[in-house]
Amino acid sequence: MPLTELRKAYRNSLTDCAQGGFTLIEVLVAVFVLGIGLLGVAALQNASLQTNHSAYLRSQATMLGYDAVDRMRANQPDVANGLYDIALGATPAGTGLAPTDLTDWKALLANTLPSGDGSICRSSNGTTCGAGGNIVLVTVRWDDTRGQGGLTQLTFTGEL
C-alpha cells in the first residue's frame, strides 16, 4: 500500500470513530450526585444515632423509676410515714433505710442519666401529690439535648 493511501486510511479512521468513554463534565456530575447521596446517608445515620441514644436514656429512666418503686415496696412502713417523699433537686437527709435508699437512687440517677434527677410523692388519686395515699408518683428527669429534645421527664405511678 502506498503512503498516500495509508494517510487517507488513517484520516478516515480518525474521523469515522464514534466517541468512546466519558467526558470530564459527565464524571464531575456523577461524582456530585454520588456526594449528595452519601451526605443523605450520613444525615440518616446521624438521626438514627440520636433517636437510639434517646431511646436508651428513656429505657434507663424507666428502669430507675421502677427501681424506686421496688425499694419502697420493700420498706412500706417508711413509705406510710412519708420518709420516701422527696422533691426534684432535694438531697435526702437523715439515717435509716429510706434516706439510704433515696441517696442511692439519686446517685444512680445522676450517674446514669445526663443531669438526672428524680422526685417521689404519695397521692390518693394518682395524678397530684398530696398527703397520704397508697399511690406513689415517681418522676425521673434528665437532659436529652443529644437526642430528641431538651429536658425530658417521665412520671411513673405505682401502687403499694
C-alpha atoms as a PDB file:
ATOM      1  CA  MET A   1       0.000   0.000   0.000  1.00  0.00           C
ATOM      2  CA  PRO A   2       1.429   3.343  -0.991  1.00  0.00           C
ATOM      3  CA  LEU A   3       1.995   6.056   1.577  1.00  0.00           C
ATOM      4  CA  THR A   4      -0.800   8.311   0.325  1.00  0.00           C
ATOM      5  CA  GLU A   5      -3.355   5.551   0.704  1.00  0.00           C
ATOM      6  CA  LEU A   6      -2.160   4.908   4.267  1.00  0.00           C
ATOM      7  CA  ARG A   7      -2.572   8.572   5.097  1.00  0.00           C
ATOM      8  CA  LYS A   8      -6.106   8.596   3.672  1.00  0.00           C
ATOM      9  CA  ALA A   9      -6.987   5.442   5.627  1.00  0.00           C
ATOM     10  CA  TYR A  10      -5.557   6.961   8.823  1.00  0.00           C
ATOM     11  CA  ARG A  11      -7.518  10.202   8.366  1.00  0.00           C
ATOM     12  CA  ASN A  12     -10.716   8.265   7.631  1.00  0.00           C
ATOM     13  CA  SER A  13     -10.257   6.112  10.713  1.00  0.00           C
ATOM     14  CA  LEU A  14      -9.883   9.232  12.897  1.00  0.00           C
ATOM     15  CA  THR A  15     -12.980  10.933  11.533  1.00  0.00           C
ATOM     16  CA  ASP A  16     -15.148   7.839  11.386  1.00  0.00           C
ATOM     17  CA  CYS A  17     -14.597   6.790  15.021  1.00  0.00           C
ATOM     18  CA  ALA A  18     -17.569   7.288  17.323  1.00  0.00           C
ATOM     19  CA  GLN A  19     -16.833   8.927  20.611  1.00  0.00           C
ATOM     20  CA  GLY A  20     -15.950   6.422  23.348  1.00  0.00           C
ATOM     21  CA  GLY A  21     -15.742   6.893  27.108  1.00  0.00           C
ATOM     22  CA  PHE A  22     -16.939   9.740  29.322  1.00  0.00           C
ATOM     23  CA  THR A  23     -16.231  13.403  29.249  1.00  0.00           C
ATOM     24  CA  LEU A  24     -14.870  15.201  32.273  1.00  0.00           C
ATOM     25  CA  ILE A  25     -18.167  17.009  32.851  1.00  0.00           C
ATOM     26  CA  GLU A  26     -20.099  13.736  32.944  1.00  0.00           C
ATOM     27  CA  VAL A  27     -17.679  12.365  35.512  1.00  0.00           C
ATOM     28  CA  LEU A  28     -17.960  15.523  37.658  1.00  0.00           C
ATOM     29  CA  VAL A  29     -21.765  15.387  37.582  1.00  0.00           C
ATOM     30  CA  ALA A  30     -21.721  11.717  38.592  1.00  0.00           C
ATOM     31  CA  VAL A  31     -19.321  12.415  41.478  1.00  0.00           C
ATOM     32  CA  PHE A  32     -21.506  15.342  42.608  1.00  0.00           C
ATOM     33  CA  VAL A  33     -24.674  13.198  42.607  1.00  0.00           C
ATOM     34  CA  LEU A  34     -22.839  10.450  44.495  1.00  0.00           C
ATOM     35  CA  GLY A  35     -21.596  13.002  47.050  1.00  0.00           C
ATOM     36  CA  ILE A  36     -25.125  14.303  47.663  1.00  0.00           C
ATOM     37  CA  GLY A  37     -26.327  10.741  48.152  1.00  0.00           C
ATOM     38  CA  LEU A  38     -23.569   9.994  50.654  1.00  0.00           C
ATOM     39  CA  LEU A  39     -24.407  13.180  52.578  1.00  0.00           C
ATOM     40  CA  GLY A  40     -28.010  11.974  52.777  1.00  0.00           C
ATOM     41  CA  VAL A  41     -26.898   8.604  54.122  1.00  0.00           C
ATOM     42  CA  ALA A  42     -24.697  10.336  56.730  1.00  0.00           C
ATOM     43  CA  ALA A  43     -27.603  12.544  57.848  1.00  0.00           C
ATOM     44  CA  LEU A  44     -29.831   9.489  58.142  1.00  0.00           C
ATOM     45  CA  GLN A  45     -27.200   7.701  60.227  1.00  0.00           C
ATOM     46  CA  ASN A  46     -26.878  10.740  62.497  1.00  0.00           C
ATOM     47  CA  ALA A  47     -30.647  10.892  63.039  1.00  0.00           C
ATOM     48  CA  SER A  48     -30.651   7.178  63.791  1.00  0.00           C
ATOM     49  CA  LEU A  49     -27.906   7.582  66.415  1.00  0.00           C
ATOM     50  CA  GLN A  50     -29.758  10.453  68.095  1.00  0.00           C
ATOM     51  CA  THR A  51     -33.012   8.511  68.253  1.00  0.00           C
ATOM     52  CA  ASN A  52     -31.236   5.403  69.515  1.00  0.00           C
ATOM     53  CA  HIS A  53     -29.483   7.380  72.272  1.00  0.00           C
ATOM     54  CA  SER A  54     -32.773   8.968  73.313  1.00  0.00           C
ATOM     55  CA  ALA A  55     -34.439   5.557  73.486  1.00  0.00           C
ATOM     56  CA  TYR A  56     -31.540   4.242  75.571  1.00  0.00           C
ATOM     57  CA  LEU A  57     -31.912   7.080  78.075  1.00  0.00           C
ATOM     58  CA  ARG A  58     -35.672   6.554  78.242  1.00  0.00           C
ATOM     59  CA  SER A  59     -35.107   2.855  78.969  1.00  0.00           C
ATOM     60  CA  GLN A  60     -32.633   3.712  81.737  1.00  0.00           C
ATOM     61  CA  ALA A  61     -35.096   6.217  83.213  1.00  0.00           C
ATOM     62  CA  THR A  62     -37.853   3.601  83.183  1.00  0.00           C
ATOM     63  CA  MET A  63     -35.631   1.072  84.923  1.00  0.00           C
ATOM     64  CA  LEU A  64     -34.610   3.616  87.579  1.00  0.00           C
ATOM     65  CA  GLY A  65     -38.214   4.689  88.157  1.00  0.00           C
ATOM     66  CA  TYR A  66     -39.307   1.136  88.798  1.00  0.00           C
ATOM     67  CA  ASP A  67     -36.235   0.641  90.981  1.00  0.00           C
ATOM     68  CA  ALA A  68     -37.520   3.391  93.288  1.00  0.00           C
ATOM     69  CA  VAL A  69     -40.964   1.767  93.452  1.00  0.00           C
ATOM     70  CA  ASP A  70     -39.380  -1.608  94.284  1.00  0.00           C
ATOM     71  CA  ARG A  71     -37.318  -0.022  97.059  1.00  0.00           C
ATOM     72  CA  MET A  72     -40.484   1.446  98.543  1.00  0.00           C
ATOM     73  CA  ARG A  73     -42.369  -1.836  98.328  1.00  0.00           C
ATOM     74  CA  ALA A  74     -39.615  -3.393 100.418  1.00  0.00           C
ATOM     75  CA  ASN A  75     -39.980  -0.708 103.113  1.00  0.00           C
ATOM     76  CA  GLN A  76     -43.690   0.136 103.326  1.00  0.00           C
ATOM     77  CA  PRO A  77     -43.682   1.408 106.955  1.00  0.00           C
ATOM     78  CA  ASP A  78     -41.294   4.238 105.979  1.00  0.00           C
ATOM     79  CA  VAL A  79     -43.414   4.977 102.902  1.00  0.00           C
ATOM     80  CA  ALA A  80     -46.513   5.305 105.110  1.00  0.00           C
ATOM     81  CA  ASN A  81     -44.607   7.762 107.320  1.00  0.00           C
ATOM     82  CA  GLY A  82     -43.634   9.871 104.277  1.00  0.00           C
ATOM     83  CA  LEU A  83     -39.910   9.203 104.546  1.00  0.00           C
ATOM     84  CA  TYR A  84     -39.610   8.497 100.817  1.00  0.00           C
ATOM     85  CA  ASP A  85     -41.195  11.786  99.740  1.00  0.00           C
ATOM     86  CA  ILE A  86     -38.546  13.945  98.063  1.00  0.00           C
ATOM     87  CA  ALA A  87     -38.646  16.810  95.569  1.00  0.00           C
ATOM     88  CA  LEU A  88     -36.624  17.372  92.410  1.00  0.00           C
ATOM     89  CA  GLY A  89     -33.242  18.799  93.314  1.00  0.00           C
ATOM     90  CA  ALA A  90     -33.566  17.882  97.002  1.00  0.00           C
ATOM     91  CA  THR A  91     -30.917  15.936  98.883  1.00  0.00           C
ATOM     92  CA  PRO A  92     -32.029  13.157 101.248  1.00  0.00           C
ATOM     93  CA  ALA A  93     -31.251  13.740 104.904  1.00  0.00           C
ATOM     94  CA  GLY A  94     -31.243  11.512 107.948  1.00  0.00           C
ATOM     95  CA  THR A  95     -30.286   7.967 108.712  1.00  0.00           C
ATOM     96  CA  GLY A  96     -32.089   4.728 108.191  1.00  0.00           C
ATOM     97  CA  LEU A  97     -33.188   2.663 105.246  1.00  0.00           C
ATOM     98  CA  ALA A  98     -35.358   5.280 103.492  1.00  0.00           C
ATOM     99  CA  PRO A  99     -32.701   8.050 103.362  1.00  0.00           C
ATOM    100  CA  THR A 100     -30.106   5.472 102.283  1.00  0.00           C
ATOM    101  CA  ASP A 101     -32.398   4.215  99.519  1.00  0.00           C
ATOM    102  CA  LEU A 102     -33.066   7.765  98.351  1.00  0.00           C
ATOM    103  CA  THR A 103     -29.367   8.671  98.416  1.00  0.00           C
ATOM    104  CA  ASP A 104     -28.512   5.571  96.372  1.00  0.00           C
ATOM    105  CA  TRP A 105     -31.386   6.201  93.961  1.00  0.00           C
ATOM    106  CA  LYS A 106     -30.446   9.861  93.427  1.00  0.00           C
ATOM    107  CA  ALA A 107     -26.810   8.820  92.862  1.00  0.00           C
ATOM    108  CA  LEU A 108     -27.923   6.245  90.271  1.00  0.00           C
ATOM    109  CA  LEU A 109     -29.984   8.907  88.509  1.00  0.00           C
ATOM    110  CA  ALA A 110     -27.078  11.350  88.461  1.00  0.00           C
ATOM    111  CA  ASN A 111     -24.575   8.727  87.250  1.00  0.00           C
ATOM    112  CA  THR A 112     -26.794   7.027  84.667  1.00  0.00           C
ATOM    113  CA  LEU A 113     -28.660   9.930  83.092  1.00  0.00           C
ATOM    114  CA  PRO A 114     -27.235  13.276  81.973  1.00  0.00           C
ATOM    115  CA  SER A 115     -28.348  15.813  84.604  1.00  0.00           C
ATOM    116  CA  GLY A 116     -30.513  13.048  86.063  1.00  0.00           C
ATOM    117  CA  ASP A 117     -32.783  13.843  88.987  1.00  0.00           C
ATOM    118  CA  GLY A 118     -35.951  12.462  90.486  1.00  0.00           C
ATOM    119  CA  SER A 119     -38.815  13.069  92.867  1.00  0.00           C
ATOM    120  CA  ILE A 120     -41.190  10.844  94.813  1.00  0.00           C
ATOM    121  CA  CYS A 121     -44.510  11.721  96.367  1.00  0.00           C
ATOM    122  CA  ARG A 122     -47.615   9.959  97.583  1.00  0.00           C
ATOM    123  CA  SER A 123     -51.022  10.533  96.082  1.00  0.00           C
ATOM    124  CA  SER A 124     -54.551   9.472  96.795  1.00  0.00           C
ATOM    125  CA  ASN A 125     -55.842   9.998  93.244  1.00  0.00           C
ATOM    126  CA  GLY A 126     -52.777   9.042  91.177  1.00  0.00           C
ATOM    127  CA  THR A 127     -52.395  12.394  89.426  1.00  0.00           C
ATOM    128  CA  THR A 128     -51.416  15.019  92.019  1.00  0.00           C
ATOM    129  CA  CYS A 129     -49.136  14.864  95.013  1.00  0.00           C
ATOM    130  CA  GLY A 130     -50.846  15.098  98.349  1.00  0.00           C
ATOM    131  CA  ALA A 131     -50.582  13.886 101.883  1.00  0.00           C
ATOM    132  CA  GLY A 132     -51.161  10.193 102.282  1.00  0.00           C
ATOM    133  CA  GLY A 133     -52.498   7.672  99.863  1.00  0.00           C
ATOM    134  CA  ASN A 134     -51.184   4.338  98.694  1.00  0.00           C
ATOM    135  CA  ILE A 135     -50.333   5.514  95.186  1.00  0.00           C
ATOM    136  CA  VAL A 136     -46.771   6.687  94.596  1.00  0.00           C
ATOM    137  CA  LEU A 137     -45.754   9.110  91.851  1.00  0.00           C
ATOM    138  CA  VAL A 138     -42.117   8.744  90.811  1.00  0.00           C
ATOM    139  CA  THR A 139     -40.757  11.389  88.448  1.00  0.00           C
ATOM    140  CA  VAL A 140     -37.449  10.951  86.621  1.00  0.00           C
ATOM    141  CA  ARG A 141     -35.995  13.951  84.783  1.00  0.00           C
ATOM    142  CA  TRP A 142     -32.902  14.202  82.571  1.00  0.00           C
ATOM    143  CA  ASP A 143     -31.313  16.301  79.835  1.00  0.00           C
ATOM    144  CA  ASP A 144     -31.937  14.813  76.390  1.00  0.00           C
ATOM    145  CA  THR A 145     -30.385  17.530  74.217  1.00  0.00           C
ATOM    146  CA  ARG A 146     -28.269  14.943  72.393  1.00  0.00           C
ATOM    147  CA  GLY A 147     -31.408  13.026  71.484  1.00  0.00           C
ATOM    148  CA  GLN A 148     -34.923  14.176  70.742  1.00  0.00           C
ATOM    149  CA  GLY A 149     -35.235  17.315  72.824  1.00  0.00           C
ATOM    150  CA  GLY A 150     -34.199  19.259  75.882  1.00  0.00           C
ATOM    151  CA  LEU A 151     -35.280  18.465  79.417  1.00  0.00           C
ATOM    152  CA  THR A 152     -37.295  15.230  79.439  1.00  0.00           C
ATOM    153  CA  GLN A 153     -39.436  13.959  82.292  1.00  0.00           C
ATOM    154  CA  LEU A 154     -41.215  10.655  82.906  1.00  0.00           C
ATOM    155  CA  THR A 155     -43.682  10.068  85.717  1.00  0.00           C
ATOM    156  CA  PHE A 156     -44.423   6.557  86.939  1.00  0.00           C
ATOM    157  CA  THR A 157     -47.365   5.563  89.043  1.00  0.00           C
ATOM    158  CA  GLY A 158     -47.028   2.676  91.445  1.00  0.00           C
ATOM    159  CA  GLU A 159     -49.485   1.275  93.897  1.00  0.00           C
ATOM    160  CA  LEU A 160     -48.185  -0.057  97.175  1.00  0.00           C
END
